Protein backbone atom coordinates (compact mmCIF):
# COMPACT_ATOMS: atom_id res chain seq x y z
CA MET A 1 0.33 -0.04 0.07
CA ARG A 2 1.63 3.55 -1.36
CA SER A 3 1.84 6.08 1.33
CA PHE A 4 3.67 9.38 1.52
CA TYR A 5 6.14 10.94 -0.26
CA PRO A 6 9.34 11.91 1.99
CA GLU A 7 8.88 15.39 3.20
CA ILE A 8 10.44 18.24 1.55
CA GLU A 9 10.80 22.13 1.45
CA PRO A 10 8.94 25.12 -1.14
CA ASN A 11 11.34 25.53 -3.78
CA GLU A 12 9.96 29.75 -4.00
CA SER A 13 5.99 30.85 -2.29
CA GLY A 14 4.85 34.54 -1.73
CA MET A 15 1.80 36.19 -1.69
CA LEU A 16 -0.22 36.30 -5.11
CA ASP A 17 -3.04 40.05 -5.55
CA VAL A 18 -6.02 38.41 -6.70
CA GLY A 19 -8.01 42.27 -6.07
CA ASP A 20 -10.16 43.44 -4.08
CA GLY A 21 -8.30 43.41 -1.33
CA GLN A 22 -7.57 39.45 -1.00
CA SER A 23 -3.87 38.19 -1.47
CA ILE A 24 -3.24 34.84 -1.68
CA TYR A 25 -0.20 32.26 -0.50
CA TRP A 26 1.21 30.31 -2.05
CA GLU A 27 4.07 28.05 -2.89
CA GLU A 28 6.49 25.51 -5.55
CA SER A 29 7.75 22.53 -4.68
CA GLY A 30 9.75 19.55 -6.00
CA ASN A 31 11.44 19.47 -9.92
CA PRO A 32 10.48 22.81 -11.04
CA GLU A 33 10.91 21.21 -14.64
CA GLY A 34 8.07 18.82 -13.42
CA LYS A 35 4.45 17.95 -14.29
CA PRO A 36 2.41 21.44 -12.96
CA VAL A 37 0.15 20.30 -10.43
CA VAL A 38 -2.60 22.39 -8.03
CA PHE A 39 -3.87 20.71 -4.68
CA LEU A 40 -7.29 22.40 -3.95
CA HIS A 41 -7.53 22.25 0.40
CA GLY A 42 -10.73 21.53 1.32
CA GLY A 43 -13.65 23.55 4.04
CA PRO A 44 -13.54 26.20 2.33
CA GLY A 45 -10.91 27.74 5.06
CA GLY A 46 -9.10 24.94 5.33
CA GLY A 47 -6.22 25.98 4.29
CA THR A 48 -3.05 23.77 3.14
CA THR A 49 -0.23 21.99 5.10
CA PRO A 50 3.24 21.29 4.79
CA GLN A 51 1.61 16.78 4.04
CA HIS A 52 -0.61 18.05 1.00
CA ARG A 53 3.40 18.05 -0.88
CA ARG A 54 3.70 14.34 -0.33
CA LEU A 55 1.04 13.22 -2.26
CA PHE A 56 3.51 13.74 -5.16
CA ASP A 57 6.85 12.26 -6.89
CA PRO A 58 9.08 15.33 -6.21
CA GLU A 59 11.14 14.07 -8.77
CA ARG A 60 8.20 13.88 -11.46
CA TYR A 61 5.94 16.47 -10.27
CA ARG A 62 6.23 20.68 -9.98
CA ILE A 63 3.36 20.96 -6.87
CA VAL A 64 1.18 23.96 -7.16
CA LEU A 65 -0.04 24.83 -3.59
CA PHE A 66 -2.39 27.08 -2.82
CA ASP A 67 -4.24 28.98 0.38
CA GLN A 68 -7.64 30.61 -0.71
CA ARG A 69 -8.75 33.11 0.58
CA GLY A 70 -9.93 34.03 3.77
CA CYS A 71 -7.57 30.99 5.46
CA GLY A 72 -4.33 29.47 5.78
CA LYS A 73 -1.23 32.56 5.28
CA SER A 74 -3.56 34.15 3.00
CA LEU A 75 -4.52 37.45 3.98
CA PRO A 76 -6.79 39.42 5.26
CA HIS A 77 -7.50 36.48 7.47
CA ALA A 78 -11.29 35.79 8.70
CA SER A 79 -10.33 34.90 12.03
CA ASP A 80 -10.46 39.09 12.01
CA PRO A 81 -14.26 39.49 12.56
CA ASP A 82 -14.18 42.24 10.67
CA ALA A 83 -12.61 40.92 7.06
CA GLU A 84 -14.74 40.95 4.71
CA LEU A 85 -16.81 37.62 3.15
CA THR A 86 -18.60 39.05 0.45
CA THR A 87 -15.99 38.86 -2.07
CA ASN A 88 -14.87 35.25 -1.46
CA THR A 89 -17.05 32.99 -3.72
CA THR A 90 -16.59 30.05 -5.30
CA TRP A 91 -16.14 31.70 -9.06
CA HIS A 92 -13.61 34.43 -6.62
CA LEU A 93 -11.99 31.09 -6.60
CA VAL A 94 -11.77 29.76 -9.66
CA ALA A 95 -10.43 33.41 -11.54
CA ASP A 96 -8.18 33.39 -8.45
CA MET A 97 -6.13 29.81 -9.86
CA GLU A 98 -6.28 31.15 -13.42
CA ARG A 99 -4.35 34.67 -12.52
CA LEU A 100 -2.15 31.71 -10.79
CA ARG A 101 -1.62 29.66 -13.10
CA GLU A 102 -0.87 32.37 -15.18
CA ALA A 103 1.26 33.58 -12.82
CA ARG A 104 3.51 31.15 -12.72
CA GLY A 105 3.57 30.66 -15.58
CA ILE A 106 1.66 27.64 -16.09
CA ASP A 107 0.01 26.34 -19.75
CA ARG A 108 -2.36 23.69 -18.26
CA TRP A 109 -1.90 21.36 -14.98
CA GLN A 110 -3.76 19.03 -13.21
CA VAL A 111 -5.97 19.13 -10.26
CA LEU A 112 -6.35 17.64 -7.33
CA GLY A 113 -9.26 18.31 -4.86
CA GLY A 114 -10.82 17.13 -1.80
CA SER A 115 -14.04 17.29 0.07
CA TRP A 116 -14.53 21.42 -0.10
CA GLY A 117 -11.40 21.37 -2.84
CA SER A 118 -13.38 18.24 -5.05
CA ALA A 119 -16.27 21.13 -5.15
CA LEU A 120 -13.60 23.72 -6.76
CA GLY A 121 -12.15 20.75 -8.74
CA LEU A 122 -15.41 20.69 -10.05
CA ALA A 123 -16.28 24.23 -10.86
CA TYR A 124 -12.14 24.60 -12.53
CA ALA A 125 -12.77 22.27 -14.45
CA GLU A 126 -15.85 22.42 -15.91
CA THR A 127 -15.01 26.29 -16.75
CA HIS A 128 -11.17 25.29 -18.09
CA PRO A 129 -11.63 22.44 -19.41
CA GLU A 130 -8.87 23.35 -21.49
CA ARG A 131 -6.47 24.38 -18.79
CA VAL A 132 -6.54 20.49 -17.19
CA THR A 133 -4.32 17.70 -17.97
CA GLU A 134 -6.32 15.51 -15.88
CA LEU A 135 -8.02 15.19 -12.48
CA ILE A 136 -8.66 14.07 -9.12
CA LEU A 137 -11.03 14.44 -6.63
CA ARG A 138 -11.77 13.11 -3.17
CA GLY A 139 -14.62 13.11 -0.74
CA ILE A 140 -17.00 14.60 -3.57
CA PHE A 141 -18.92 17.12 -2.25
CA THR A 142 -20.87 19.63 -5.19
CA LEU A 143 -23.31 21.66 -2.02
CA ARG A 144 -26.76 19.79 -2.52
CA ARG A 145 -29.13 20.72 -0.11
CA SER A 146 -29.66 16.68 0.43
CA GLU A 147 -25.43 17.09 1.57
CA LEU A 148 -26.00 20.20 3.32
CA ASP A 149 -28.41 18.88 4.99
CA TRP A 150 -27.30 15.51 5.93
CA PHE A 151 -24.40 16.59 8.18
CA TYR A 152 -25.75 19.99 9.29
CA GLU A 153 -29.03 19.52 9.95
CA GLY A 154 -29.36 16.01 11.59
CA GLY A 155 -28.81 13.28 9.51
CA ALA A 156 -24.94 12.20 10.99
CA ALA A 157 -26.22 13.08 14.54
CA ALA A 158 -27.56 9.47 13.40
CA ILE A 159 -24.54 8.22 13.27
CA LEU A 160 -22.28 10.41 16.25
CA PRO A 161 -25.37 11.10 18.72
CA GLU A 162 -22.56 12.27 21.72
CA ARG A 163 -20.89 14.79 19.19
CA TRP A 164 -23.86 15.91 17.97
CA GLU A 165 -24.88 17.14 21.10
CA GLY A 166 -21.56 19.56 21.43
CA PHE A 167 -23.02 21.02 17.53
CA LEU A 168 -25.76 21.59 18.66
CA ALA A 169 -24.81 23.28 22.55
CA PRO A 170 -24.11 26.98 20.84
CA VAL A 171 -27.65 27.57 19.51
CA PRO A 172 -30.78 28.48 20.74
CA GLU A 173 -33.84 25.74 21.44
CA GLU A 174 -35.69 28.34 19.55
CA GLU A 175 -33.64 28.91 16.61
CA ARG A 176 -32.09 24.72 15.93
CA ARG A 177 -34.88 24.40 12.90
CA ASN A 178 -32.25 26.37 10.12
CA LEU A 179 -29.05 25.48 11.92
CA ILE A 180 -26.70 27.54 9.45
CA THR A 181 -29.01 30.04 9.80
CA ALA A 182 -28.61 29.92 13.36
CA TYR A 183 -25.00 29.12 12.82
CA HIS A 184 -24.67 32.41 9.82
CA HIS A 185 -25.89 34.36 12.81
CA LEU A 186 -23.78 33.34 16.11
CA LEU A 187 -20.60 33.33 14.13
CA ASN A 188 -21.06 36.46 12.31
CA ASP A 189 -21.88 38.24 16.09
CA PRO A 190 -18.99 40.51 17.21
CA ASP A 191 -18.70 39.23 20.68
CA PRO A 192 -15.97 36.69 20.86
CA THR A 193 -18.13 35.24 23.80
CA VAL A 194 -20.84 34.15 21.47
CA HIS A 195 -18.57 33.72 17.85
CA GLY A 196 -15.82 31.83 19.79
CA PRO A 197 -17.44 29.04 21.32
CA ALA A 198 -19.96 28.68 17.78
CA ALA A 199 -16.86 28.40 15.64
CA VAL A 200 -15.31 26.15 17.78
CA ALA A 201 -18.27 24.03 18.47
CA TRP A 202 -19.05 24.12 14.43
CA SER A 203 -15.03 23.23 13.89
CA THR A 204 -14.46 20.27 16.34
CA TRP A 205 -18.42 18.88 14.87
CA GLU A 206 -16.47 18.45 11.29
CA ALA A 207 -13.18 16.67 12.96
CA SER A 208 -14.95 14.28 15.27
CA ALA A 209 -16.68 12.94 11.76
CA ILE A 210 -13.84 12.73 9.09
CA THR A 211 -12.07 9.54 10.16
CA LEU A 212 -13.65 6.90 10.13
CA ILE A 213 -11.71 6.54 13.97
CA PRO A 214 -12.24 10.13 15.28
CA ARG A 215 -8.86 11.77 16.45
CA ASP A 216 -8.56 13.21 19.05
CA ASP A 217 -5.37 14.94 18.20
CA LEU A 218 -7.01 15.67 15.00
CA ILE A 219 -9.98 17.51 16.98
CA ALA A 220 -7.63 19.55 18.59
CA VAL A 221 -6.32 20.79 15.21
CA PHE A 222 -9.52 21.93 14.35
CA ALA A 223 -10.83 23.40 18.27
CA GLU A 224 -7.94 26.34 17.59
CA PRO A 225 -9.37 29.33 17.98
CA SER A 226 -8.34 31.52 15.86
CA TYR A 227 -8.36 28.35 12.84
CA ALA A 228 -11.74 27.37 13.93
CA LEU A 229 -13.10 30.96 13.73
CA ALA A 230 -11.34 31.41 9.98
CA PHE A 231 -12.64 27.91 9.00
CA ALA A 232 -15.86 28.31 10.21
CA ARG A 233 -17.41 31.77 8.92
CA ILE A 234 -15.81 30.49 5.76
CA GLU A 235 -17.73 27.64 5.50
CA ASN A 236 -20.73 28.29 6.74
CA HIS A 237 -20.32 31.64 4.47
CA TYR A 238 -20.00 29.06 1.18
CA PHE A 239 -23.06 26.87 2.62
CA VAL A 240 -25.45 29.83 3.81
CA ASN A 241 -24.85 30.65 0.04
CA HIS A 242 -25.55 26.55 -1.33
CA GLY A 243 -21.67 28.08 -2.76
CA TRP A 244 -23.28 29.64 -5.63
CA PHE A 245 -24.52 27.24 -8.15
CA GLU A 246 -27.40 26.33 -9.29
CA PRO A 247 -29.34 23.33 -8.29
CA GLU A 248 -26.90 19.93 -9.02
CA GLN A 249 -24.71 22.84 -11.50
CA LEU A 250 -21.81 20.35 -10.99
CA ILE A 251 -23.09 16.94 -11.16
CA ARG A 252 -25.00 18.38 -14.84
CA ASP A 253 -21.88 20.02 -15.96
CA ALA A 254 -19.74 16.79 -15.84
CA SER A 255 -20.25 16.06 -19.43
CA LYS A 256 -17.30 19.37 -20.33
CA LEU A 257 -15.28 16.02 -18.33
CA ARG A 258 -15.09 13.86 -20.71
CA ASP A 259 -12.09 14.63 -22.23
CA ILE A 260 -10.00 15.07 -19.17
CA PRO A 261 -9.02 11.28 -17.61
CA GLY A 262 -10.03 12.03 -13.83
CA VAL A 263 -10.21 9.91 -10.84
CA ILE A 264 -12.07 9.93 -7.93
CA VAL A 265 -11.75 8.03 -4.53
CA HIS A 266 -14.44 8.36 -2.14
CA GLY A 267 -14.78 6.89 1.46
CA ARG A 268 -17.62 4.62 1.82
CA TYR A 269 -18.34 5.72 5.48
CA ASP A 270 -18.08 8.90 4.64
CA LEU A 271 -20.10 10.89 7.39
CA CYS A 272 -19.48 14.55 5.61
CA THR A 273 -19.95 13.70 2.00
CA PRO A 274 -21.92 10.66 1.41
CA ALA A 275 -21.09 8.47 -0.96
CA TYR A 276 -23.15 8.67 -3.34
CA ASN A 277 -22.45 12.35 -3.66
CA ALA A 278 -19.31 9.72 -5.82
CA TRP A 279 -21.46 7.38 -7.70
CA ASP A 280 -23.76 10.59 -8.67
CA LEU A 281 -20.57 12.65 -10.01
CA HIS A 282 -19.18 8.73 -11.79
CA ARG A 283 -22.82 7.86 -13.57
CA ALA A 284 -22.58 12.05 -15.20
CA TRP A 285 -18.62 11.40 -15.32
CA PRO A 286 -18.63 7.21 -16.02
CA GLU A 287 -15.26 8.22 -18.29
CA ALA A 288 -13.49 8.66 -14.47
CA GLU A 289 -12.13 5.82 -12.83
CA LEU A 290 -14.47 5.48 -9.53
CA HIS A 291 -12.69 3.72 -6.63
CA MET A 292 -15.25 3.87 -3.31
CA ILE A 293 -12.51 2.59 -0.14
CA PRO A 294 -14.27 0.49 1.58
CA ASP A 295 -12.94 0.66 5.16
CA ALA A 296 -12.68 4.28 5.37
CA GLY A 297 -14.20 7.86 5.49
CA HIS A 298 -13.54 11.50 4.64
CA ALA A 299 -9.77 11.97 5.66
CA TYR A 300 -7.27 12.25 2.74
CA ASP A 301 -4.60 10.58 5.23
CA GLU A 302 -6.63 7.47 5.47
CA PRO A 303 -4.51 4.25 4.15
CA GLY A 304 -6.88 3.35 1.79
CA ILE A 305 -7.42 6.84 0.84
CA LEU A 306 -3.94 8.01 0.63
CA ASP A 307 -3.11 4.69 -1.57
CA ALA A 308 -5.48 5.19 -3.95
CA LEU A 309 -4.35 8.86 -4.37
CA ILE A 310 -0.63 8.62 -4.92
CA THR A 311 -1.74 5.66 -7.41
CA ALA A 312 -3.63 8.23 -9.07
CA THR A 313 -0.56 10.93 -8.89
CA ASP A 314 1.83 8.08 -9.55
CA SER A 315 -0.24 6.94 -12.84
CA PHE A 316 -0.08 10.45 -14.78
CA ALA A 317 2.72 12.06 -13.77
CA ALA A 318 4.78 10.03 -16.50
CA ARG A 319 1.65 11.64 -19.27
C-alpha cells in the first residue's frame, strides 16, 4: 500500500494580489521542470499543510499549493471578525486559480482536490477544461441541499449522537430548525463570547466526523480558536449561499469533463460527504475511474484513500 512521499520544502513561495484587497499565499515544491499540478484544500477555509506536498512524486511533479481566500497564510484572515467575506465566493476562487496559473507561467496543470476542494476542482475544470490535464477528486462534495442537510441539519447525528450534542450546544433551542442559518448569526456576532464558542463547536463537529475512527489530535487542531473561527466563518458563508451554484450544477455539467482523464476516490463510510455523491458524479462522468474505499471515512490520509490518491498521481506523472 502506497504512502506519503518524503518531506520536502518549497522551492519558492509568495503572496499573489488577486484584487478585492485579497492576497493569497502560494508555494511551489518538487521538480521545477516537472509536470505541473495544483492542490485544492478542503473546507473551504481549511488551508494547506506541508503534508499535502507529499501526495506527489517530487522528482516528477512541479507541485503548486495555495491557501484560498481568507485562510491559511492568505490575507486578510477570516479569523478577524471584521474580515469581509462578500468577495470570497466559488467564482472568485476559480478566477484566483487562473491568475495563479498565469502568474506561474503554467499552460495546463493537473488538478487534485478533496472535500470542498473536489467542488472547487469541478467548478474550475467545468469552467476551464482546456487548462486541466487530469482531474483527481476525493471525498466528493457538491453543496447540494441534501448533502448540507445530511451533515449540518441532523442526518449524521444518527451516527455520532454524542458529538452532535456539542454541535447543538451554542444554538438556542428555538433557532434549531435551520442550523446553518442559526450558525450564520452566531459566527457573525461581533461578541467574541458568542462567535468564539460557536466556531469551535462547528469545527469540532466536522473534525469528529472526518475519519472512520475519531482522532483526538485532529480534533484539537480544528478546535484552535483562530483556525476554528476562519474555518467556520468561511464554510458557513459558502453553505448559506449554496456555493453560488445552480441546483445540481456540478453534476449537471460533468459532461464537460469527458475529455479529461479522471479519478474519483471516496470512502464508503464517509460521514461528511455520503457515498452517493461519488456515485452520482461517476454516473454523470463515467469516463472517470471510481474507487470506493471499503474501510475509510472522509480524510485524505486514511490508508486506503491515501493509497488510491498516490496511485493516481503516480499513474498520471508520465503523461
